[in-house]
PDB file of all heavy atoms in Angstrom:
ATOM      1  N   PRO A   1      17.870  14.241   7.200  1.00  0.00           N
ATOM      2  CA  PRO A   1      16.847  14.462   6.087  1.00  0.00           C
ATOM      3  C   PRO A   1      17.406  14.221   4.714  1.00  0.00           C
ATOM      4  O   PRO A   1      16.702  13.672   3.858  1.00  0.00           O
ATOM      5  CB  PRO A   1      16.428  15.926   6.335  1.00  0.00           C
ATOM      6  CG  PRO A   1      16.788  16.208   7.715  1.00  0.00           C
ATOM      7  CD  PRO A   1      18.000  15.467   8.011  1.00  0.00           C
ATOM      8  N   GLU A   2      18.736  14.623   4.461  1.00  0.00           N
ATOM      9  CA  GLU A   2      19.250  14.394   3.177  1.00  0.00           C
ATOM     10  C   GLU A   2      19.371  12.973   2.797  1.00  0.00           C
ATOM     11  O   GLU A   2      19.062  12.578   1.685  1.00  0.00           O
ATOM     12  CB  GLU A   2      20.615  15.148   3.051  1.00  0.00           C
ATOM     13  CG  GLU A   2      20.522  16.650   3.135  1.00  0.00           C
ATOM     14  CD  GLU A   2      21.967  17.255   3.002  1.00  0.00           C
ATOM     15  OE1 GLU A   2      22.891  16.510   2.878  1.00  0.00           O
ATOM     16  OE2 GLU A   2      21.994  18.554   3.172  1.00  0.00           O
ATOM     17  N   LEU A   3      19.763  12.134   3.791  1.00  0.00           N
ATOM     18  CA  LEU A   3      19.854  10.734   3.490  1.00  0.00           C
ATOM     19  C   LEU A   3      18.426  10.158   3.279  1.00  0.00           C
ATOM     20  O   LEU A   3      18.280   9.298   2.265  1.00  0.00           O
ATOM     21  CB  LEU A   3      20.441   9.990   4.743  1.00  0.00           C
ATOM     22  CG  LEU A   3      20.411   8.408   4.672  1.00  0.00           C
ATOM     23  CD1 LEU A   3      21.167   7.927   3.499  1.00  0.00           C
ATOM     24  CD2 LEU A   3      20.996   7.877   6.009  1.00  0.00           C
ATOM     25  N   LEU A   4      17.506  10.564   3.979  1.00  0.00           N
ATOM     26  CA  LEU A   4      16.090  10.036   3.813  1.00  0.00           C
ATOM     27  C   LEU A   4      15.659  10.342   2.372  1.00  0.00           C
ATOM     28  O   LEU A   4      15.046   9.569   1.741  1.00  0.00           O
ATOM     29  CB  LEU A   4      15.097  10.652   4.770  1.00  0.00           C
ATOM     30  CG  LEU A   4      15.265  10.144   6.215  1.00  0.00           C
ATOM     31  CD1 LEU A   4      14.288  10.999   7.103  1.00  0.00           C
ATOM     32  CD2 LEU A   4      14.964   8.682   6.390  1.00  0.00           C
ATOM     33  N   ALA A   5      15.970  11.595   1.908  1.00  0.00           N
ATOM     34  CA  ALA A   5      15.571  12.036   0.558  1.00  0.00           C
ATOM     35  C   ALA A   5      16.232  11.098  -0.515  1.00  0.00           C
ATOM     36  O   ALA A   5      15.587  10.683  -1.453  1.00  0.00           O
ATOM     37  CB  ALA A   5      15.865  13.483   0.353  1.00  0.00           C
ATOM     38  N   ARG A   6      17.537  10.775  -0.287  1.00  0.00           N
ATOM     39  CA  ARG A   6      18.201   9.926  -1.251  1.00  0.00           C
ATOM     40  C   ARG A   6      17.647   8.565  -1.267  1.00  0.00           C
ATOM     41  O   ARG A   6      17.593   7.902  -2.371  1.00  0.00           O
ATOM     42  CB  ARG A   6      19.701   9.932  -0.868  1.00  0.00           C
ATOM     43  CG  ARG A   6      20.496  11.102  -1.128  1.00  0.00           C
ATOM     44  CD  ARG A   6      21.953  10.896  -1.174  1.00  0.00           C
ATOM     45  NE  ARG A   6      22.498  10.393   0.031  1.00  0.00           N
ATOM     46  CZ  ARG A   6      22.908  11.062   1.078  1.00  0.00           C
ATOM     47  NH1 ARG A   6      22.877  12.371   1.155  1.00  0.00           N
ATOM     48  NH2 ARG A   6      23.440  10.482   2.140  1.00  0.00           N
ATOM     49  N   LEU A   7      17.075   8.147  -0.162  1.00  0.00           N
ATOM     50  CA  LEU A   7      16.555   6.727  -0.034  1.00  0.00           C
ATOM     51  C   LEU A   7      15.028   6.748  -0.586  1.00  0.00           C
ATOM     52  O   LEU A   7      14.468   5.703  -0.703  1.00  0.00           O
ATOM     53  CB  LEU A   7      16.546   6.238   1.398  1.00  0.00           C
ATOM     54  CG  LEU A   7      17.958   5.940   2.010  1.00  0.00           C
ATOM     55  CD1 LEU A   7      17.873   5.618   3.465  1.00  0.00           C
ATOM     56  CD2 LEU A   7      18.710   4.839   1.211  1.00  0.00           C
ATOM     57  N   GLY A   8      14.496   7.896  -0.745  1.00  0.00           N
ATOM     58  CA  GLY A   8      13.126   7.973  -1.230  1.00  0.00           C
ATOM     59  C   GLY A   8      12.064   8.019  -0.185  1.00  0.00           C
ATOM     60  O   GLY A   8      10.845   7.769  -0.478  1.00  0.00           O
ATOM     61  N   VAL A   9      12.483   8.352   1.028  1.00  0.00           N
ATOM     62  CA  VAL A   9      11.510   8.339   2.205  1.00  0.00           C
ATOM     63  C   VAL A   9      11.169   9.850   2.442  1.00  0.00           C
ATOM     64  O   VAL A   9      11.987  10.695   2.621  1.00  0.00           O
ATOM     65  CB  VAL A   9      12.181   7.748   3.452  1.00  0.00           C
ATOM     66  CG1 VAL A   9      11.201   7.800   4.609  1.00  0.00           C
ATOM     67  CG2 VAL A   9      12.613   6.329   3.240  1.00  0.00           C
ATOM     68  N   ASP A  10       9.902  10.093   2.604  1.00  0.00           N
ATOM     69  CA  ASP A  10       9.293  11.345   2.891  1.00  0.00           C
ATOM     70  C   ASP A  10       9.099  11.506   4.385  1.00  0.00           C
ATOM     71  O   ASP A  10       8.111  10.834   4.882  1.00  0.00           O
ATOM     72  CB  ASP A  10       8.031  11.562   2.103  1.00  0.00           C
ATOM     73  CG  ASP A  10       7.407  12.958   2.281  1.00  0.00           C
ATOM     74  OD1 ASP A  10       7.982  13.809   3.104  1.00  0.00           O
ATOM     75  OD2 ASP A  10       6.379  13.263   1.558  1.00  0.00           O
ATOM     76  N   PRO A  11       9.959  12.306   5.101  1.00  0.00           N
ATOM     77  CA  PRO A  11       9.700  12.407   6.513  1.00  0.00           C
ATOM     78  C   PRO A  11       8.424  13.156   6.905  1.00  0.00           C
ATOM     79  O   PRO A  11       7.997  13.131   8.104  1.00  0.00           O
ATOM     80  CB  PRO A  11      10.953  13.201   7.045  1.00  0.00           C
ATOM     81  CG  PRO A  11      11.333  13.956   5.740  1.00  0.00           C
ATOM     82  CD  PRO A  11      11.018  13.118   4.575  1.00  0.00           C
ATOM     83  N   GLY A  12       7.750  13.778   5.909  1.00  0.00           N
ATOM     84  CA  GLY A  12       6.502  14.476   6.165  1.00  0.00           C
ATOM     85  C   GLY A  12       5.328  13.582   6.269  1.00  0.00           C
ATOM     86  O   GLY A  12       4.194  13.994   6.624  1.00  0.00           O
ATOM     87  N   ARG A  13       5.425  12.323   5.886  1.00  0.00           N
ATOM     88  CA  ARG A  13       4.367  11.341   5.866  1.00  0.00           C
ATOM     89  C   ARG A  13       4.539  10.325   6.859  1.00  0.00           C
ATOM     90  O   ARG A  13       5.669   9.927   7.230  1.00  0.00           O
ATOM     91  CB  ARG A  13       4.246  10.699   4.548  1.00  0.00           C
ATOM     92  CG  ARG A  13       3.874  11.642   3.398  1.00  0.00           C
ATOM     93  CD  ARG A  13       3.926  10.906   2.028  1.00  0.00           C
ATOM     94  NE  ARG A  13       2.943   9.841   1.980  1.00  0.00           N
ATOM     95  CZ  ARG A  13       2.893   9.086   0.845  1.00  0.00           C
ATOM     96  NH1 ARG A  13       3.599   9.425  -0.286  1.00  0.00           N
ATOM     97  NH2 ARG A  13       1.971   8.004   0.824  1.00  0.00           N
ATOM     98  N   PRO A  14       3.507   9.707   7.497  1.00  0.00           N
ATOM     99  CA  PRO A  14       3.683   8.562   8.341  1.00  0.00           C
ATOM    100  C   PRO A  14       4.287   7.408   7.614  1.00  0.00           C
ATOM    101  O   PRO A  14       3.992   7.234   6.451  1.00  0.00           O
ATOM    102  CB  PRO A  14       2.222   8.274   8.863  1.00  0.00           C
ATOM    103  CG  PRO A  14       1.354   8.894   7.843  1.00  0.00           C
ATOM    104  CD  PRO A  14       2.072  10.070   7.273  1.00  0.00           C
ATOM    105  N   SER A  15       5.109   6.685   8.323  1.00  0.00           N
ATOM    106  CA  SER A  15       5.772   5.571   7.651  1.00  0.00           C
ATOM    107  C   SER A  15       5.826   4.323   8.500  1.00  0.00           C
ATOM    108  O   SER A  15       5.871   4.407   9.780  1.00  0.00           O
ATOM    109  CB  SER A  15       7.242   5.915   7.167  1.00  0.00           C
ATOM    110  OG  SER A  15       7.918   6.222   8.409  1.00  0.00           O
ATOM    111  N   ILE A  16       5.719   3.175   7.854  1.00  0.00           N
ATOM    112  CA  ILE A  16       5.828   1.856   8.588  1.00  0.00           C
ATOM    113  C   ILE A  16       7.123   1.295   7.876  1.00  0.00           C
ATOM    114  O   ILE A  16       7.280   1.151   6.691  1.00  0.00           O
ATOM    115  CB  ILE A  16       4.689   0.927   8.307  1.00  0.00           C
ATOM    116  CG1 ILE A  16       3.404   1.579   8.889  1.00  0.00           C
ATOM    117  CG2 ILE A  16       4.895  -0.444   8.687  1.00  0.00           C
ATOM    118  CD1 ILE A  16       2.113   0.972   8.580  1.00  0.00           C
ATOM    119  N   VAL A  17       8.010   0.804   8.780  1.00  0.00           N
ATOM    120  CA  VAL A  17       9.392   0.262   8.276  1.00  0.00           C
ATOM    121  C   VAL A  17       9.457  -1.175   8.626  1.00  0.00           C
ATOM    122  O   VAL A  17       9.168  -1.600   9.700  1.00  0.00           O
ATOM    123  CB  VAL A  17      10.498   1.121   8.929  1.00  0.00           C
ATOM    124  CG1 VAL A  17      11.846   0.480   8.576  1.00  0.00           C
ATOM    125  CG2 VAL A  17      10.438   2.537   8.451  1.00  0.00           C
ATOM    126  N   PHE A  18       9.916  -1.940   7.683  1.00  0.00           N
ATOM    127  CA  PHE A  18      10.256  -3.314   7.849  1.00  0.00           C
ATOM    128  C   PHE A  18      11.761  -3.483   7.572  1.00  0.00           C
ATOM    129  O   PHE A  18      12.213  -3.024   6.555  1.00  0.00           O
ATOM    130  CB  PHE A  18       9.418  -4.226   6.843  1.00  0.00           C
ATOM    131  CG  PHE A  18       9.915  -5.716   6.848  1.00  0.00           C
ATOM    132  CD1 PHE A  18       9.487  -6.621   7.707  1.00  0.00           C
ATOM    133  CD2 PHE A  18      10.917  -6.051   5.899  1.00  0.00           C
ATOM    134  CE1 PHE A  18       9.844  -7.938   7.635  1.00  0.00           C
ATOM    135  CE2 PHE A  18      11.340  -7.414   5.868  1.00  0.00           C
ATOM    136  CZ  PHE A  18      10.823  -8.323   6.730  1.00  0.00           C
ATOM    137  N   VAL A  19      12.400  -4.234   8.401  1.00  0.00           N
ATOM    138  CA  VAL A  19      13.809  -4.574   8.182  1.00  0.00           C
ATOM    139  C   VAL A  19      14.043  -6.066   8.355  1.00  0.00           C
ATOM    140  O   VAL A  19      13.747  -6.614   9.471  1.00  0.00           O
ATOM    141  CB  VAL A  19      14.778  -3.864   9.197  1.00  0.00           C
ATOM    142  CG1 VAL A  19      16.241  -4.288   8.984  1.00  0.00           C
ATOM    143  CG2 VAL A  19      14.574  -2.304   9.008  1.00  0.00           C
ATOM    144  N   GLY A  20      14.586  -6.804   7.372  1.00  0.00           N
ATOM    145  CA  GLY A  20      14.654  -8.228   7.575  1.00  0.00           C
ATOM    146  C   GLY A  20      15.121  -8.927   6.225  1.00  0.00           C
ATOM    147  O   GLY A  20      14.936  -8.363   5.163  1.00  0.00           O
ATOM    148  N   ARG A  21      15.449 -10.135   6.431  1.00  0.00           N
ATOM    149  CA  ARG A  21      15.840 -10.981   5.248  1.00  0.00           C
ATOM    150  C   ARG A  21      14.475 -11.492   4.584  1.00  0.00           C
ATOM    151  O   ARG A  21      13.368 -11.547   5.291  1.00  0.00           O
ATOM    152  CB  ARG A  21      16.618 -12.271   5.660  1.00  0.00           C
ATOM    153  CG  ARG A  21      18.047 -11.878   6.105  1.00  0.00           C
ATOM    154  CD  ARG A  21      18.773 -13.094   6.640  1.00  0.00           C
ATOM    155  NE  ARG A  21      18.282 -13.584   7.871  1.00  0.00           N
ATOM    156  CZ  ARG A  21      17.647 -14.713   8.054  1.00  0.00           C
ATOM    157  NH1 ARG A  21      17.539 -15.589   7.099  1.00  0.00           N
ATOM    158  NH2 ARG A  21      17.209 -15.085   9.239  1.00  0.00           N
ATOM    159  N   ILE A  22      14.532 -11.772   3.337  1.00  0.00           N
ATOM    160  CA  ILE A  22      13.330 -12.293   2.620  1.00  0.00           C
ATOM    161  C   ILE A  22      13.286 -13.751   2.837  1.00  0.00           C
ATOM    162  O   ILE A  22      13.922 -14.578   2.045  1.00  0.00           O
ATOM    163  CB  ILE A  22      13.378 -11.930   1.173  1.00  0.00           C
ATOM    164  CG1 ILE A  22      13.457 -10.335   0.983  1.00  0.00           C
ATOM    165  CG2 ILE A  22      12.238 -12.414   0.401  1.00  0.00           C
ATOM    166  CD1 ILE A  22      13.646  -9.897  -0.392  1.00  0.00           C
ATOM    167  N   THR A  23      12.736 -14.153   3.893  1.00  0.00           N
ATOM    168  CA  THR A  23      12.631 -15.570   4.237  1.00  0.00           C
ATOM    169  C   THR A  23      11.174 -15.884   4.824  1.00  0.00           C
ATOM    170  O   THR A  23      10.482 -14.902   5.318  1.00  0.00           O
ATOM    171  CB  THR A  23      13.687 -15.975   5.245  1.00  0.00           C
ATOM    172  OG1 THR A  23      13.628 -17.361   5.609  1.00  0.00           O
ATOM    173  CG2 THR A  23      13.617 -15.141   6.493  1.00  0.00           C
ATOM    174  N   ARG A  24      10.717 -17.082   4.717  1.00  0.00           N
ATOM    175  CA  ARG A  24       9.378 -17.380   5.187  1.00  0.00           C
ATOM    176  C   ARG A  24       9.099 -16.979   6.654  1.00  0.00           C
ATOM    177  O   ARG A  24       8.027 -16.523   6.894  1.00  0.00           O
ATOM    178  CB  ARG A  24       9.144 -18.955   5.042  1.00  0.00           C
ATOM    179  CG  ARG A  24       9.185 -19.446   3.653  1.00  0.00           C
ATOM    180  CD  ARG A  24       8.004 -19.033   2.781  1.00  0.00           C
ATOM    181  NE  ARG A  24       8.066 -19.432   1.433  1.00  0.00           N
ATOM    182  CZ  ARG A  24       7.462 -18.856   0.471  1.00  0.00           C
ATOM    183  NH1 ARG A  24       6.596 -17.892   0.682  1.00  0.00           N
ATOM    184  NH2 ARG A  24       7.571 -19.288  -0.800  1.00  0.00           N
ATOM    185  N   GLN A  25      10.107 -17.114   7.483  1.00  0.00           N
ATOM    186  CA  GLN A  25       9.845 -16.913   8.859  1.00  0.00           C
ATOM    187  C   GLN A  25       9.564 -15.395   9.156  1.00  0.00           C
ATOM    188  O   GLN A  25       8.867 -15.034  10.160  1.00  0.00           O
ATOM    189  CB  GLN A  25      11.014 -17.360   9.796  1.00  0.00           C
ATOM    190  CG  GLN A  25      12.283 -16.456   9.721  1.00  0.00           C
ATOM    191  CD  GLN A  25      13.435 -17.032  10.491  1.00  0.00           C
ATOM    192  OE1 GLN A  25      13.930 -18.031  10.202  1.00  0.00           O
ATOM    193  NE2 GLN A  25      13.667 -16.340  11.602  1.00  0.00           N
ATOM    194  N   LYS A  26      10.006 -14.524   8.280  1.00  0.00           N
ATOM    195  CA  LYS A  26       9.847 -13.048   8.556  1.00  0.00           C
ATOM    196  C   LYS A  26       8.468 -12.531   8.247  1.00  0.00           C
ATOM    197  O   LYS A  26       8.150 -11.402   8.553  1.00  0.00           O
ATOM    198  CB  LYS A  26      10.949 -12.282   7.803  1.00  0.00           C
ATOM    199  CG  LYS A  26      12.394 -12.626   8.227  1.00  0.00           C
ATOM    200  CD  LYS A  26      12.608 -12.369   9.736  1.00  0.00           C
ATOM    201  CE  LYS A  26      14.012 -12.692  10.128  1.00  0.00           C
ATOM    202  NZ  LYS A  26      14.303 -12.385  11.650  1.00  0.00           N
ATOM    203  N   GLY A  27       7.666 -13.299   7.556  1.00  0.00           N
ATOM    204  CA  GLY A  27       6.301 -12.947   7.312  1.00  0.00           C
ATOM    205  C   GLY A  27       6.060 -11.820   6.307  1.00  0.00           C
ATOM    206  O   GLY A  27       5.003 -11.207   6.355  1.00  0.00           O
ATOM    207  N   LEU A  28       7.060 -11.486   5.513  1.00  0.00           N
ATOM    208  CA  LEU A  28       6.974 -10.371   4.638  1.00  0.00           C
ATOM    209  C   LEU A  28       5.660 -10.367   3.663  1.00  0.00           C
ATOM    210  O   LEU A  28       5.008  -9.419   3.487  1.00  0.00           O
ATOM    211  CB  LEU A  28       8.227 -10.206   3.850  1.00  0.00           C
ATOM    212  CG  LEU A  28       8.423  -8.953   2.856  1.00  0.00           C
ATOM    213  CD1 LEU A  28       7.980  -7.644   3.611  1.00  0.00           C
ATOM    214  CD2 LEU A  28       9.726  -8.849   2.252  1.00  0.00           C
ATOM    215  N   PRO A  29       5.432 -11.567   3.066  1.00  0.00           N
ATOM    216  CA  PRO A  29       4.251 -11.629   2.107  1.00  0.00           C
ATOM    217  C   PRO A  29       2.961 -11.219   2.940  1.00  0.00           C
ATOM    218  O   PRO A  29       2.033 -10.564   2.286  1.00  0.00           O
ATOM    219  CB  PRO A  29       4.174 -13.011   1.725  1.00  0.00           C
ATOM    220  CG  PRO A  29       5.626 -13.514   1.743  1.00  0.00           C
ATOM    221  CD  PRO A  29       6.229 -12.804   2.912  1.00  0.00           C
ATOM    222  N   TYR A  30       2.830 -11.595   4.207  1.00  0.00           N
ATOM    223  CA  TYR A  30       1.661 -11.142   4.929  1.00  0.00           C
ATOM    224  C   TYR A  30       1.576  -9.633   5.094  1.00  0.00           C
ATOM    225  O   TYR A  30       0.527  -8.935   5.024  1.00  0.00           O
ATOM    226  CB  TYR A  30       1.600 -11.866   6.259  1.00  0.00           C
ATOM    227  CG  TYR A  30       1.555 -13.340   6.238  1.00  0.00           C
ATOM    228  CD1 TYR A  30       2.615 -14.107   6.660  1.00  0.00           C
ATOM    229  CD2 TYR A  30       0.388 -13.983   5.828  1.00  0.00           C
ATOM    230  CE1 TYR A  30       2.576 -15.470   6.557  1.00  0.00           C
ATOM    231  CE2 TYR A  30       0.377 -15.373   5.723  1.00  0.00           C
ATOM    232  CZ  TYR A  30       1.446 -16.128   6.065  1.00  0.00           C
ATOM    233  OH  TYR A  30       1.417 -17.488   6.012  1.00  0.00           O
ATOM    234  N   LEU A  31       2.717  -9.011   5.385  1.00  0.00           N
ATOM    235  CA  LEU A  31       2.770  -7.556   5.481  1.00  0.00           C
ATOM    236  C   LEU A  31       2.404  -6.859   4.227  1.00  0.00           C
ATOM    237  O   LEU A  31       1.657  -5.910   4.230  1.00  0.00           O
ATOM    238  CB  LEU A  31       4.219  -7.130   5.991  1.00  0.00           C
ATOM    239  CG  LEU A  31       4.387  -5.591   5.871  1.00  0.00           C
ATOM    240  CD1 LEU A  31       3.504  -4.816   6.889  1.00  0.00           C
ATOM    241  CD2 LEU A  31       5.970  -5.346   6.158  1.00  0.00           C
ATOM    242  N   LEU A  32       2.884  -7.433   3.095  1.00  0.00           N
ATOM    243  CA  LEU A  32       2.584  -6.779   1.821  1.00  0.00           C
ATOM    244  C   LEU A  32       1.138  -6.878   1.454  1.00  0.00           C
ATOM    245  O   LEU A  32       0.557  -6.001   0.888  1.00  0.00           O
ATOM    246  CB  LEU A  32       3.382  -7.431   0.674  1.00  0.00           C
ATOM    247  CG  LEU A  32       4.891  -7.262   0.879  1.00  0.00           C
ATOM    248  CD1 LEU A  32       5.718  -8.006  -0.166  1.00  0.00           C
ATOM    249  CD2 LEU A  32       5.313  -5.732   0.674  1.00  0.00           C
ATOM    250  N   ARG A  33       0.417  -7.998   1.934  1.00  0.00           N
ATOM    251  CA  ARG A  33      -1.016  -8.103   1.697  1.00  0.00           C
ATOM    252  C   ARG A  33      -1.732  -7.129   2.641  1.00  0.00           C
ATOM    253  O   ARG A  33      -2.746  -6.465   2.300  1.00  0.00           O
ATOM    254  CB  ARG A  33      -1.436  -9.464   1.889  1.00  0.00           C
ATOM    255  CG  ARG A  33      -0.952 -10.419   0.772  1.00  0.00           C
ATOM    256  CD  ARG A  33      -1.426 -11.862   0.835  1.00  0.00           C
ATOM    257  NE  ARG A  33      -1.013 -12.674  -0.209  1.00  0.00           N
ATOM    258  CZ  ARG A  33       0.070 -13.466  -0.193  1.00  0.00           C
ATOM    259  NH1 ARG A  33       0.882 -13.528   0.936  1.00  0.00           N
ATOM    260  NH2 ARG A  33       0.423 -14.116  -1.295  1.00  0.00           N
ATOM    261  N   ALA A  34      -1.244  -6.957   3.907  1.00  0.00           N
ATOM    262  CA  ALA A  34      -1.853  -6.077   4.882  1.00  0.00           C
ATOM    263  C   ALA A  34      -1.661  -4.660   4.389  1.00  0.00           C
ATOM    264  O   ALA A  34      -2.648  -3.773   4.604  1.00  0.00           O
ATOM    265  CB  ALA A  34      -1.200  -6.208   6.212  1.00  0.00           C
ATOM    266  N   ALA A  35      -0.599  -4.292   3.645  1.00  0.00           N
ATOM    267  CA  ALA A  35      -0.343  -2.914   3.174  1.00  0.00           C
ATOM    268  C   ALA A  35      -1.470  -2.500   2.186  1.00  0.00           C
ATOM    269  O   ALA A  35      -1.625  -1.287   2.103  1.00  0.00           O
ATOM    270  CB  ALA A  35       1.016  -2.872   2.491  1.00  0.00           C
ATOM    271  N   GLU A  36      -2.084  -3.431   1.533  1.00  0.00           N
ATOM    272  CA  GLU A  36      -3.126  -3.031   0.629  1.00  0.00           C
ATOM    273  C   GLU A  36      -4.358  -2.425   1.413  1.00  0.00           C
ATOM    274  O   GLU A  36      -5.121  -1.663   0.750  1.00  0.00           O
ATOM    275  CB  GLU A  36      -3.676  -4.313  -0.066  1.00  0.00           C
ATOM    276  CG  GLU A  36      -2.660  -5.011  -0.977  1.00  0.00           C
ATOM    277  CD  GLU A  36      -3.201  -6.312  -1.554  1.00  0.00           C
ATOM    278  OE1 GLU A  36      -4.348  -6.684  -1.207  1.00  0.00           O
ATOM    279  OE2 GLU A  36      -2.409  -6.991  -2.248  1.00  0.00           O
ATOM    280  N   LEU A  37      -4.429  -2.646   2.680  1.00  0.00           N
ATOM    281  CA  LEU A  37      -5.488  -2.112   3.475  1.00  0.00           C
ATOM    282  C   LEU A  37      -5.193  -0.848   4.292  1.00  0.00           C
ATOM    283  O   LEU A  37      -6.021  -0.329   5.024  1.00  0.00           O
ATOM    284  CB  LEU A  37      -5.989  -3.210   4.435  1.00  0.00           C
ATOM    285  CG  LEU A  37      -6.340  -4.532   3.887  1.00  0.00           C
ATOM    286  CD1 LEU A  37      -6.579  -5.662   4.955  1.00  0.00           C
ATOM    287  CD2 LEU A  37      -7.482  -4.441   2.934  1.00  0.00           C
TER     288      LEU A  37
END
């Protein structure tokens, strides 16, 4: 929990995690647009 707090993650809330390089194949811009919804 202490590490999560340092990283700014609240374990009391539901969370969606993405891990990856910022490259076209990883589809990150699509995720960021989906996050608006």
